Amino acid sequence: PMKRPDLYEIIAEAKRLGLRVAMTPSATPLVTKDALARLQDLGIARLAISLDGADAETHDRFRNVAGSYQRTMEILRDAHDVGLPLQINTTVTRYNFEEMVAFRPLLENLPGLALWSVFFLVPTGRGRNRDQVTADECEAVLCDMEEYSRVAPFDIKTTAAPHFRRVVLQARAARGEDASFGARLPGLARSPGRAPRGVTDGCGFVFISHTGEIFPSGFLPLNVGNVRTDSLVDAYRNHPLMKALRQPDGFTGKCSTCDYRTLCGGSRARAYAMTGDPLGSDPLCAWAGA
C-alpha cells in the first residue's frame, strides 16, 4: 500500500466517512518513520506487520528476502516510537509451526503490541498443499495458543482456523469453567471493535480485490460480483454462495454433523482449495467428534 501515491488521501477520506482504518504494509524501505508518523496523524487504528519466524533465518526463508526480519523489527520499533498500535500477523506453515512457542518472548518484548493474529496457510495463490501443517499439528498449535491466550499480555486470534473456538471451549470444560457457546472467548473482553462471534469466509467478512471483484474472503476466490457494477451490500446479503456459507447445516462431510458447526464452521476457503467444494469439510480439523 505504501506505493500508492494517493494512500494518505484514501485514509483521510475513509476516516471522514467514519470508517475504522488499519493497514498492513510490506517490510520495504518505503515504510519510513516519517511515513508512519503521518499515518498516526491521520488516525489509523492499527498497523499490522508480518512476522513469520521467531528468528531471522526462518522469517527470511519464508519471505525469500534476505534482511526482511531486520527491516521488520526496525518498522516495529519506529511504529511504536510514533505511537501506532501494533498487530503481528504470523502464518503457520510446516516450516515454522515448531517455533510457535519460541515466538512468545519475542512478542512480549514488542512494546505496544495489541494483537497476535495467527494465520493458518490456505493452499491458494502461491500457497501449496505441501506447505501446510497436518490436522494433528494444527490441533497441537491451537492447544498451545489456547494455553498462552490465558496469560498473554495481548489478544490472540486465528484466521483460517475457526476451530480455535472449539479448542477454547473444550479447554474451558476440562478446567470446569463456563464452556457454553455464549461464553466470551479470549481477548474479546479487551478489544473494542472485535466481533462478538466467529468471523469466517463470507460470514462477517467480505473481500474486495484491487479491480473491484467481491469475494467471500481473499483466500476464497469465488466471484460474487463487482463493486463497480453491483451493490456490495446486496452481494454480501443475498448472493446464493454468501448465504450458503452462513448456513452450516448445509455443509457436507463431517462439518455438517459436528456439534461445533455453528460456532466454528471450518475454513470454507481451505475446504474449497483442497476439495473443490466451499461447503465441504475443513481437512485441517482433527476433531474426532466432527
Protein backbone atom coordinates (compact mmCIF):
# COMPACT_ATOMS: atom_id res chain seq x y z
CA PRO A 1 0.00 0.00 0.00
CA MET A 2 2.91 2.41 0.52
CA LYS A 3 3.39 2.50 -3.27
CA ARG A 4 0.06 4.25 -3.80
CA PRO A 5 0.60 7.98 -4.37
CA ASP A 6 -2.93 8.62 -3.05
CA LEU A 7 -2.60 6.47 0.08
CA TYR A 8 -2.93 9.31 2.56
CA GLU A 9 -5.89 10.80 0.69
CA ILE A 10 -7.67 7.42 0.78
CA ILE A 11 -7.12 7.11 4.53
CA ALA A 12 -8.29 10.67 5.15
CA GLU A 13 -11.47 10.10 3.13
CA ALA A 14 -12.17 6.78 4.87
CA LYS A 15 -11.79 8.47 8.24
CA ARG A 16 -14.10 11.30 7.10
CA LEU A 17 -16.72 8.66 6.28
CA GLY A 18 -16.41 7.23 9.78
CA LEU A 19 -14.55 4.04 8.86
CA ARG A 20 -12.06 2.38 11.18
CA VAL A 21 -8.86 2.11 9.14
CA ALA A 22 -5.94 -0.27 9.60
CA MET A 23 -3.05 -1.08 7.28
CA THR A 24 -0.68 -3.95 6.58
CA PRO A 25 2.39 -2.71 4.69
CA SER A 26 5.21 -4.87 3.41
CA ALA A 27 8.57 -4.51 5.15
CA THR A 28 10.14 -2.28 2.49
CA PRO A 29 12.27 0.89 2.67
CA LEU A 30 9.11 2.88 1.85
CA VAL A 31 7.86 2.38 5.41
CA THR A 32 9.90 5.22 6.86
CA LYS A 33 9.47 6.72 10.30
CA ASP A 34 8.12 9.90 8.70
CA ALA A 35 5.54 7.86 6.78
CA LEU A 36 4.50 6.06 9.96
CA ALA A 37 4.17 9.37 11.79
CA ARG A 38 1.89 10.63 9.02
CA LEU A 39 -0.26 7.51 9.32
CA GLN A 40 -0.51 8.09 13.05
CA ASP A 41 -1.51 11.71 12.49
CA LEU A 42 -4.27 10.56 10.13
CA GLY A 43 -5.61 8.33 12.89
CA ILE A 44 -5.26 4.78 11.59
CA ALA A 45 -6.41 2.36 14.26
CA ARG A 46 -3.66 -0.21 13.86
CA LEU A 47 -0.56 -1.13 11.88
CA ALA A 48 -0.20 -4.85 11.15
CA ILE A 49 3.21 -6.26 10.33
CA SER A 50 4.01 -9.83 9.24
CA LEU A 51 6.46 -11.85 11.31
CA ASP A 52 6.70 -15.44 10.12
CA GLY A 53 9.67 -16.74 12.06
CA ALA A 54 10.94 -16.48 15.60
CA ASP A 55 14.36 -15.65 14.17
CA ALA A 56 15.82 -14.10 11.05
CA GLU A 57 16.64 -17.41 9.39
CA THR A 58 13.08 -18.75 9.43
CA HIS A 59 11.39 -15.44 8.61
CA ASP A 60 13.74 -14.54 5.73
CA ARG A 61 13.43 -18.03 4.25
CA PHE A 62 9.63 -17.77 4.25
CA ARG A 63 9.70 -14.25 2.80
CA ASN A 64 12.54 -15.19 0.39
CA VAL A 65 14.16 -11.80 1.07
CA ALA A 66 17.43 -11.56 2.98
CA GLY A 67 17.25 -8.86 5.64
CA SER A 68 13.45 -8.89 5.82
CA TYR A 69 13.46 -9.82 9.51
CA GLN A 70 15.77 -6.95 10.42
CA ARG A 71 13.69 -4.48 8.42
CA THR A 72 10.52 -5.77 10.07
CA MET A 73 11.96 -5.18 13.54
CA GLU A 74 13.03 -1.65 12.54
CA ILE A 75 9.49 -0.85 11.36
CA LEU A 76 8.03 -2.19 14.59
CA ARG A 77 10.37 -0.02 16.62
CA ASP A 78 9.60 3.09 14.56
CA ALA A 79 5.85 2.44 14.70
CA HIS A 80 5.97 2.21 18.48
CA ASP A 81 8.04 5.40 18.67
CA VAL A 82 5.37 7.37 16.81
CA GLY A 83 2.54 5.86 18.86
CA LEU A 84 0.89 3.44 16.42
CA PRO A 85 -0.97 0.46 17.93
CA LEU A 86 0.63 -2.72 16.60
CA GLN A 87 -0.53 -6.09 15.36
CA ILE A 88 1.69 -9.04 14.40
CA ASN A 89 0.50 -11.38 11.64
CA THR A 90 2.08 -14.84 11.61
CA THR A 91 1.38 -17.53 9.02
CA VAL A 92 1.68 -21.08 10.39
CA THR A 93 3.32 -23.48 7.96
CA ARG A 94 5.18 -26.72 8.31
CA TYR A 95 8.41 -24.70 8.29
CA ASN A 96 7.70 -22.71 11.46
CA PHE A 97 4.98 -24.49 13.46
CA GLU A 98 7.55 -25.92 15.86
CA GLU A 99 8.69 -22.34 16.62
CA MET A 100 5.32 -21.08 17.81
CA VAL A 101 6.29 -21.28 21.49
CA ALA A 102 9.57 -19.51 20.69
CA PHE A 103 7.56 -16.54 19.41
CA ARG A 104 6.33 -15.74 22.91
CA PRO A 105 9.35 -13.90 24.39
CA LEU A 106 9.84 -12.09 21.10
CA LEU A 107 6.25 -10.83 21.07
CA GLU A 108 6.25 -9.96 24.75
CA ASN A 109 9.24 -7.68 24.17
CA LEU A 110 7.42 -5.70 21.48
CA PRO A 111 6.01 -2.61 23.21
CA GLY A 112 2.59 -1.52 22.04
CA LEU A 113 1.53 -4.94 20.70
CA ALA A 114 -2.27 -5.22 20.82
CA LEU A 115 -2.92 -8.41 18.85
CA TRP A 116 -1.18 -11.53 17.59
CA SER A 117 -3.11 -12.64 14.52
CA VAL A 118 -2.18 -16.20 13.59
CA PHE A 119 -2.99 -17.33 10.04
CA PHE A 120 -3.09 -20.99 9.07
CA LEU A 121 -1.98 -21.44 5.48
CA VAL A 122 -4.64 -21.98 2.83
CA PRO A 123 -3.23 -23.59 -0.36
CA THR A 124 -4.34 -20.87 -2.76
CA GLY A 125 -2.32 -18.37 -4.77
CA ARG A 126 1.33 -19.24 -4.15
CA GLY A 127 0.43 -21.37 -1.13
CA ARG A 128 0.94 -25.07 -1.72
CA ASN A 129 -0.67 -28.05 -0.04
CA ARG A 130 2.73 -29.42 0.96
CA ASP A 131 3.46 -26.19 2.86
CA GLN A 132 0.61 -26.81 5.32
CA VAL A 133 0.78 -28.45 8.71
CA THR A 134 -1.21 -31.64 9.25
CA ALA A 135 -4.53 -31.67 11.09
CA ASP A 136 -2.83 -33.11 14.20
CA GLU A 137 -0.09 -30.49 14.06
CA CYS A 138 -2.71 -27.78 13.68
CA GLU A 139 -4.55 -29.10 16.73
CA ALA A 140 -1.34 -29.06 18.77
CA VAL A 141 -0.61 -25.46 17.79
CA LEU A 142 -4.16 -24.39 18.66
CA CYS A 143 -3.94 -26.08 22.06
CA ASP A 144 -0.66 -24.27 22.78
CA MET A 145 -2.26 -20.98 21.68
CA GLU A 146 -5.24 -21.55 23.97
CA GLU A 147 -2.93 -22.10 26.92
CA TYR A 148 -0.92 -18.99 26.07
CA SER A 149 -4.02 -16.84 25.48
CA ARG A 150 -4.81 -17.07 29.21
CA VAL A 151 -1.61 -15.27 30.19
CA ALA A 152 -0.50 -13.32 27.11
CA PRO A 153 -0.37 -9.52 27.55
CA PHE A 154 -2.09 -9.07 24.17
CA ASP A 155 -5.06 -10.57 22.33
CA ILE A 156 -4.69 -13.66 20.13
CA LYS A 157 -6.91 -14.57 17.18
CA THR A 158 -6.75 -17.01 14.29
CA THR A 159 -7.51 -16.71 10.58
CA ALA A 160 -8.49 -19.79 8.55
CA ALA A 161 -8.58 -21.85 11.75
CA PRO A 162 -12.03 -21.20 13.25
CA HIS A 163 -11.74 -24.44 15.22
CA PHE A 164 -9.66 -22.44 17.69
CA ARG A 165 -13.02 -21.51 19.22
CA ARG A 166 -13.83 -25.18 19.71
CA VAL A 167 -10.42 -25.77 21.28
CA VAL A 168 -11.00 -22.88 23.71
CA LEU A 169 -14.39 -24.16 24.84
CA GLN A 170 -13.12 -27.72 25.23
CA ALA A 171 -10.22 -26.48 27.36
CA ARG A 172 -12.62 -24.46 29.50
CA ALA A 173 -14.80 -27.50 30.03
CA ALA A 174 -11.77 -29.55 31.07
CA ARG A 175 -10.97 -26.89 33.70
CA GLY A 176 -14.54 -26.83 34.95
CA GLU A 177 -15.18 -23.31 33.58
CA ASP A 178 -18.05 -21.93 31.51
CA ALA A 179 -17.91 -23.80 28.22
CA SER A 180 -21.20 -22.61 26.76
CA PHE A 181 -21.32 -21.32 23.19
CA GLY A 182 -22.28 -17.92 24.57
CA ALA A 183 -19.16 -17.62 26.74
CA ARG A 184 -16.70 -14.89 25.83
CA LEU A 185 -13.60 -16.19 24.13
CA PRO A 186 -10.01 -14.96 24.70
CA GLY A 187 -9.42 -11.31 24.01
CA LEU A 188 -12.99 -10.30 23.20
CA ALA A 189 -13.48 -8.54 26.51
CA ARG A 190 -10.41 -6.38 25.99
CA SER A 191 -10.74 -5.45 22.32
CA PRO A 192 -13.04 -2.65 21.16
CA GLY A 193 -14.41 -3.29 17.70
CA ARG A 194 -13.79 -7.05 17.77
CA ALA A 195 -16.64 -9.23 16.53
CA PRO A 196 -18.62 -10.99 19.28
CA ARG A 197 -18.70 -14.24 17.27
CA GLY A 198 -16.53 -16.08 14.79
CA VAL A 199 -15.73 -14.33 11.51
CA THR A 200 -15.06 -16.59 8.52
CA ASP A 201 -15.27 -16.56 4.72
CA GLY A 202 -18.47 -14.71 3.80
CA CYS A 203 -19.70 -14.75 7.38
CA GLY A 204 -18.98 -11.36 8.92
CA PHE A 205 -16.30 -10.84 6.30
CA VAL A 206 -16.12 -9.78 2.67
CA PHE A 207 -13.12 -9.03 0.43
CA ILE A 208 -12.86 -6.55 -2.45
CA SER A 209 -10.00 -7.02 -4.91
CA HIS A 210 -7.96 -4.21 -6.44
CA THR A 211 -10.17 -4.46 -9.53
CA GLY A 212 -13.41 -4.29 -7.55
CA GLU A 213 -14.27 -8.00 -7.53
CA ILE A 214 -16.20 -9.18 -4.47
CA PHE A 215 -15.11 -12.43 -2.81
CA PRO A 216 -16.17 -14.13 0.44
CA SER A 217 -12.53 -13.69 1.53
CA GLY A 218 -9.12 -13.17 -0.01
CA PHE A 219 -8.48 -16.90 0.33
CA LEU A 220 -11.77 -17.99 -1.30
CA PRO A 221 -11.52 -16.75 -4.92
CA LEU A 222 -15.15 -17.28 -5.95
CA ASN A 223 -16.52 -14.10 -7.52
CA VAL A 224 -19.91 -12.92 -6.27
CA GLY A 225 -19.96 -9.53 -8.03
CA ASN A 226 -18.02 -6.33 -8.64
CA VAL A 227 -18.43 -3.07 -6.72
CA ARG A 228 -18.13 -1.09 -9.96
CA THR A 229 -21.44 -2.54 -11.17
CA ASP A 230 -23.05 -4.33 -8.20
CA SER A 231 -24.19 -3.41 -4.71
CA LEU A 232 -21.71 -4.67 -2.14
CA VAL A 233 -24.47 -4.88 0.46
CA ASP A 234 -26.71 -6.89 -1.85
CA ALA A 235 -23.88 -9.24 -2.87
CA TYR A 236 -22.97 -9.89 0.76
CA ARG A 237 -26.53 -10.39 1.96
CA ASN A 238 -28.20 -12.13 -0.95
CA HIS A 239 -25.78 -13.92 -3.28
CA PRO A 240 -26.54 -17.67 -3.08
CA LEU A 241 -22.93 -18.58 -2.24
CA MET A 242 -22.67 -15.99 0.52
CA LYS A 243 -25.93 -17.19 2.04
CA ALA A 244 -24.81 -20.82 1.84
CA LEU A 245 -21.53 -20.02 3.61
CA ARG A 246 -23.58 -18.76 6.56
CA GLN A 247 -25.70 -21.93 6.83
CA PRO A 248 -23.54 -24.63 8.49
CA ASP A 249 -26.41 -27.11 8.47
CA GLY A 250 -25.97 -27.18 4.69
CA PHE A 251 -22.27 -28.08 4.83
CA THR A 252 -21.14 -31.53 3.70
CA GLY A 253 -18.91 -34.15 5.28
CA LYS A 254 -18.13 -34.18 8.96
CA CYS A 255 -18.62 -30.40 9.27
CA SER A 256 -22.35 -30.99 8.62
CA THR A 257 -22.80 -33.06 11.79
CA CYS A 258 -20.19 -31.55 14.12
CA ASP A 259 -21.65 -30.21 17.37
CA TYR A 260 -19.47 -27.11 16.94
CA ARG A 261 -20.56 -26.30 13.37
CA THR A 262 -22.42 -23.11 14.33
CA LEU A 263 -19.53 -21.89 16.48
CA CYS A 264 -16.72 -22.91 14.13
CA GLY A 265 -17.90 -24.00 10.69
CA GLY A 266 -14.40 -24.79 9.47
CA SER A 267 -12.41 -22.82 6.91
CA ARG A 268 -14.55 -22.59 3.80
CA ALA A 269 -11.52 -21.34 1.87
CA ARG A 270 -9.45 -24.38 2.77
CA ALA A 271 -12.33 -26.73 2.02
CA TYR A 272 -12.60 -25.21 -1.46
CA ALA A 273 -8.84 -25.14 -2.07
CA MET A 274 -8.38 -28.79 -1.10
CA THR A 275 -11.66 -30.41 -2.15
CA GLY A 276 -13.19 -28.05 -4.71
CA ASP A 277 -16.31 -27.71 -2.52
CA PRO A 278 -16.63 -24.49 -0.47
CA LEU A 279 -19.27 -26.22 1.66
CA GLY A 280 -17.11 -29.31 2.30
CA SER A 281 -15.23 -30.24 5.45
CA ASP A 282 -12.08 -28.45 6.56
CA PRO A 283 -9.25 -31.00 6.12
CA LEU A 284 -7.18 -29.30 8.85
CA CYS A 285 -9.62 -30.12 11.65
CA ALA A 286 -8.62 -33.15 13.73
CA TRP A 287 -11.68 -33.19 15.97
CA ALA A 288 -12.83 -36.81 16.18
CA GLY A 289 -16.32 -35.74 17.21
CA ALA A 290 -16.88 -33.99 13.92
